[in-house]
């Protein structure tokens, strides 16, 4: 079942045509990787899904982006509700300068008035369990989040995101600052999380895309050149440009 569908999606930064007639379908409870050379529109496409591009001056979009059947590009879209439903994990971990506990409950305190301490405790435990951090951090919840390792910070940011119960997790190069061991743990976490969430990941690391994703889209110069099951994209691409990129002939 499709969670997000794009129909003839175009996006411009002032006069620059950054996304060109993107037609795609992102399935629920699967990991979809978006690959392609730098500047091809991967992160721009990712930011369309929770309207983060709206924060950039001169952006104009055309077409449709349907999330659970509703066009999220409409002027009446509640952006706060949208970004709760479709959350983003950024390239560099960005925990708030607060305790581990306060990082996780930050969003819930904004969205839920009068929530009890017992309920917040429950959310913290559930969220940390979901990112496989509870056993590591349960006795350190009042310590500053900024003291954590890079990999722990990234998993904490994911916990902070899923605390508000989104449907979709957007991940923009989530492992680019991590060492191989940290990358492996975050990839294992993604495989666990797809049982509950739909995950869309942008990555320059084609080995990572091949390891963790179910579906892959290849982008080039603002176009979605090819989209399909990851195994097929990497072993039998239909478009020569996809094959050239995957085999390292350019990009």
Protein backbone atom coordinates (compact mmCIF):
# COMPACT_ATOMS: atom_id res chain seq x y z
CA UNK A 1 0.00 0.00 0.00
CA UNK A 2 1.37 3.42 -1.00
CA UNK A 3 2.05 5.80 1.88
CA UNK A 4 3.28 8.72 -0.23
CA UNK A 5 2.66 9.31 -3.95
CA UNK A 6 4.06 12.11 -6.08
CA UNK A 7 2.32 13.15 -9.30
CA UNK A 8 4.10 15.36 -11.82
CA UNK A 9 5.99 17.08 -8.99
CA UNK A 10 8.05 20.09 -10.05
CA UNK A 11 10.03 22.44 -7.82
CA UNK A 12 11.95 25.62 -8.58
CA UNK A 13 14.40 27.67 -6.51
CA UNK A 14 13.72 31.06 -8.10
CA UNK A 15 14.54 30.21 -11.76
CA UNK A 16 16.37 26.93 -11.13
CA UNK A 17 14.29 23.84 -11.96
CA UNK A 18 15.39 21.51 -9.15
CA UNK A 19 12.77 18.73 -9.43
CA UNK A 20 11.33 17.76 -12.82
CA UNK A 21 8.05 15.84 -13.14
CA UNK A 22 8.69 13.39 -10.31
CA UNK A 23 6.24 10.48 -10.33
CA UNK A 24 6.81 7.95 -7.56
CA UNK A 25 5.13 5.74 -4.97
CA UNK A 26 6.60 5.04 -1.53
CA UNK A 27 5.20 1.90 0.06
CA UNK A 28 4.22 1.60 3.73
CA UNK A 29 6.51 -0.29 6.12
CA UNK A 30 9.37 -0.40 3.66
CA UNK A 31 12.71 1.39 3.45
CA UNK A 32 13.16 3.38 0.24
CA UNK A 33 16.60 4.76 -0.62
CA UNK A 34 17.08 7.77 -2.88
CA UNK A 35 20.50 7.74 -4.54
CA UNK A 36 22.30 9.90 -7.08
CA UNK A 37 25.23 12.31 -7.41
CA UNK A 38 25.52 15.50 -5.35
CA UNK A 39 23.12 18.23 -6.41
CA UNK A 40 20.71 15.94 -8.23
CA UNK A 41 17.69 16.82 -6.03
CA UNK A 42 17.66 13.96 -3.49
CA UNK A 43 17.45 16.09 -0.35
CA UNK A 44 15.10 18.56 -2.04
CA UNK A 45 12.71 15.70 -2.79
CA UNK A 46 12.95 14.45 0.78
CA UNK A 47 12.14 17.92 2.17
CA UNK A 48 9.04 18.15 -0.05
CA UNK A 49 7.41 15.40 1.99
CA UNK A 50 7.14 17.51 5.15
CA UNK A 51 7.20 20.92 3.45
CA UNK A 52 10.62 21.89 4.81
CA UNK A 53 11.37 23.58 1.48
CA UNK A 54 8.74 26.16 2.39
CA UNK A 55 11.34 27.69 4.71
CA UNK A 56 13.59 28.54 1.74
CA UNK A 57 13.04 31.82 -0.08
CA UNK A 58 12.00 31.62 -3.71
CA UNK A 59 10.68 28.05 -3.69
CA UNK A 60 7.74 27.21 -5.95
CA UNK A 61 6.14 23.79 -6.44
CA UNK A 62 3.67 22.29 -8.90
CA UNK A 63 1.98 18.91 -8.97
CA UNK A 64 0.73 16.76 -6.13
CA UNK A 65 2.19 14.94 -3.15
CA UNK A 66 -0.36 12.59 -1.63
CA UNK A 67 0.16 11.33 1.92
CA UNK A 68 -2.49 8.75 2.77
CA UNK A 69 -4.46 10.11 -0.17
CA UNK A 70 -4.39 13.80 0.84
CA UNK A 71 -2.48 16.41 -1.15
CA UNK A 72 -0.05 17.94 1.35
CA UNK A 73 0.91 20.80 -1.01
CA UNK A 74 -2.43 22.54 -0.51
CA UNK A 75 -2.52 25.94 1.18
CA UNK A 76 -4.80 24.63 3.93
CA UNK A 77 -2.37 21.93 5.04
CA UNK A 78 -1.61 22.12 8.78
CA UNK A 79 2.20 22.14 8.69
CA UNK A 80 2.58 21.41 12.41
CA UNK A 81 0.39 18.31 12.08
CA UNK A 82 2.17 17.32 8.85
CA UNK A 83 5.63 17.52 10.43
CA UNK A 84 4.40 15.48 13.36
CA UNK A 85 3.13 12.82 10.96
CA UNK A 86 6.17 12.95 8.64
CA UNK A 87 9.29 13.68 10.65
CA UNK A 88 12.91 14.15 9.64
CA UNK A 89 16.29 12.99 10.94
CA UNK A 90 19.08 15.22 9.68
CA UNK A 91 22.58 14.50 8.45
CA UNK A 92 24.27 15.67 11.64
CA UNK A 93 22.72 14.69 14.99
CA UNK A 94 21.09 17.75 16.56
CA UNK A 95 20.01 16.98 20.15
CA UNK A 96 18.80 19.97 22.13
CA UNK A 97 21.07 21.27 24.95
CA UNK A 98 18.77 19.58 27.47
CA UNK A 99 18.75 16.31 29.35
CA UNK A 100 18.19 13.02 27.55
CA UNK A 101 14.72 12.84 29.12
CA UNK A 102 13.75 16.40 28.10
CA UNK A 103 14.93 15.83 24.53
CA UNK A 104 12.53 12.94 24.09
CA UNK A 105 9.47 14.58 25.67
CA UNK A 106 10.04 17.97 24.02
CA UNK A 107 7.63 17.40 21.14
CA UNK A 108 5.02 15.65 23.23
CA UNK A 109 4.89 18.58 25.66
CA UNK A 110 4.18 20.90 22.73
CA UNK A 111 1.48 18.73 21.16
CA UNK A 112 -0.26 17.43 24.31
CA UNK A 113 -1.51 19.86 26.94
CA UNK A 114 -1.64 18.67 30.55
CA UNK A 115 0.18 15.39 29.95
CA UNK A 116 1.11 13.59 33.19
CA UNK A 117 4.61 12.70 34.35
CA UNK A 118 3.71 9.00 34.31
CA UNK A 119 2.68 9.30 30.67
CA UNK A 120 5.91 11.12 29.81
CA UNK A 121 7.92 8.43 31.60
CA UNK A 122 6.12 5.81 29.52
CA UNK A 123 6.88 7.70 26.29
CA UNK A 124 10.58 7.99 27.17
CA UNK A 125 10.85 4.28 27.93
CA UNK A 126 9.00 3.24 24.77
CA UNK A 127 10.94 5.60 22.53
CA UNK A 128 14.33 4.55 23.89
CA UNK A 129 13.38 0.89 23.63
CA UNK A 130 12.39 1.42 20.00
CA UNK A 131 15.86 2.80 19.19
CA UNK A 132 17.62 0.17 21.33
CA UNK A 133 18.94 2.73 23.83
CA UNK A 134 16.89 2.03 26.94
CA UNK A 135 19.35 -0.36 28.57
CA UNK A 136 22.25 2.01 27.85
CA UNK A 137 20.59 5.20 29.09
CA UNK A 138 17.87 4.29 31.61
CA UNK A 139 20.10 5.30 34.54
CA UNK A 140 21.35 8.48 32.81
CA UNK A 141 18.11 10.15 31.75
CA UNK A 142 18.87 13.40 33.59
CA UNK A 143 22.32 13.77 32.07
CA UNK A 144 22.93 16.24 29.19
CA UNK A 145 22.21 14.72 25.78
CA UNK A 146 25.23 16.56 24.36
CA UNK A 147 27.54 14.19 26.29
CA UNK A 148 26.43 11.19 24.24
CA UNK A 149 28.50 9.68 21.44
CA UNK A 150 27.66 10.69 17.85
CA UNK A 151 25.88 7.41 17.22
CA UNK A 152 23.91 7.66 20.48
CA UNK A 153 22.97 11.26 19.60
CA UNK A 154 21.63 10.14 16.22
CA UNK A 155 19.58 7.36 17.79
CA UNK A 156 18.35 9.82 20.44
CA UNK A 157 17.19 12.17 17.66
CA UNK A 158 15.27 9.27 16.15
CA UNK A 159 13.76 8.53 19.58
CA UNK A 160 12.75 12.19 19.93
CA UNK A 161 11.05 11.94 16.55
CA UNK A 162 9.14 8.72 17.16
CA UNK A 163 8.01 9.91 20.60
CA UNK A 164 5.26 11.89 18.83
CA UNK A 165 4.19 8.78 16.86
CA UNK A 166 4.83 9.78 13.24
CA UNK A 167 3.88 7.59 10.30
CA UNK A 168 6.90 8.34 8.13
CA UNK A 169 10.58 8.81 8.99
CA UNK A 170 12.66 10.87 6.57
CA UNK A 171 16.41 10.34 6.95
CA UNK A 172 18.85 12.65 5.17
CA UNK A 173 22.30 10.99 5.17
CA UNK A 174 21.76 9.76 8.76
CA UNK A 175 25.07 7.87 8.92
CA UNK A 176 27.41 10.30 7.14
CA UNK A 177 29.06 11.46 10.38
CA UNK A 178 29.28 8.00 11.98
CA UNK A 179 32.10 5.47 12.05
CA UNK A 180 31.53 2.00 10.51
CA UNK A 181 30.40 0.50 13.82
CA UNK A 182 27.92 3.32 14.48
CA UNK A 183 26.69 3.07 10.90
CA UNK A 184 26.05 -0.65 11.32
CA UNK A 185 24.00 -0.09 14.47
CA UNK A 186 21.88 2.64 12.88
CA UNK A 187 21.28 0.43 9.83
CA UNK A 188 20.18 -2.41 12.12
CA UNK A 189 17.87 0.06 13.85
CA UNK A 190 16.31 1.08 10.52
CA UNK A 191 15.50 -2.55 9.75
CA UNK A 192 13.75 -2.83 13.14
CA UNK A 193 11.85 0.43 12.73
CA UNK A 194 10.35 -0.38 9.34
CA UNK A 195 8.00 -2.79 11.11
CA UNK A 196 6.28 0.28 12.57
CA UNK A 197 7.17 3.12 10.20
CA UNK A 198 7.65 3.96 6.54
CA UNK A 199 11.26 5.07 6.04
CA UNK A 200 12.70 7.16 3.19
CA UNK A 201 16.46 7.62 3.26
CA UNK A 202 18.74 9.79 1.16
CA UNK A 203 22.26 8.39 0.92
CA UNK A 204 25.43 8.85 -1.13
CA UNK A 205 26.52 5.42 0.07
CA UNK A 206 25.32 2.92 -2.50
CA UNK A 207 26.47 -0.02 -0.38
CA UNK A 208 24.24 1.28 2.39
CA UNK A 209 21.30 1.60 0.00
CA UNK A 210 21.86 -1.97 -1.16
CA UNK A 211 22.10 -3.26 2.43
CA UNK A 212 19.12 -1.59 4.09
CA UNK A 213 16.53 -0.61 1.49
CA UNK A 214 13.67 -2.52 -0.06
CA UNK A 215 13.16 -0.02 -2.90
CA UNK A 216 15.53 2.45 -4.55
CA UNK A 217 15.10 5.54 -6.69
CA UNK A 218 17.97 6.93 -8.78
CA UNK A 219 17.97 10.68 -9.42
CA UNK A 220 20.00 12.70 -11.90
CA UNK A 221 19.79 16.44 -12.61
CA UNK A 222 16.41 16.77 -10.91
CA UNK A 223 14.81 13.79 -12.64
CA UNK A 224 13.81 10.45 -11.15
CA UNK A 225 15.51 8.25 -13.72
CA UNK A 226 14.54 4.86 -12.33
CA UNK A 227 12.56 3.54 -9.36
CA UNK A 228 11.99 -0.05 -8.30
CA UNK A 229 12.97 -2.88 -6.01
CA UNK A 230 16.51 -2.43 -4.74
CA UNK A 231 17.75 -5.81 -5.92
CA UNK A 232 16.56 -5.10 -9.45
CA UNK A 233 18.01 -1.57 -9.50
CA UNK A 234 21.43 -2.83 -8.43
CA UNK A 235 21.58 -6.03 -10.47
CA UNK A 236 19.52 -5.33 -13.60
CA UNK A 237 18.87 -1.58 -14.05
CA UNK A 238 16.69 -0.73 -17.02
CA UNK A 239 18.30 2.65 -17.77
CA UNK A 240 21.94 2.92 -18.85
CA UNK A 241 22.37 6.08 -16.75
CA UNK A 242 21.48 4.08 -13.64
CA UNK A 243 23.94 1.37 -14.60
CA UNK A 244 26.68 3.93 -15.25
CA UNK A 245 26.17 5.52 -11.83
CA UNK A 246 26.01 2.24 -9.91
CA UNK A 247 29.13 0.90 -11.64
CA UNK A 248 31.05 4.10 -10.93
CA UNK A 249 31.39 5.41 -14.48
CA UNK A 250 30.36 8.82 -13.21
CA UNK A 251 29.02 10.59 -10.13
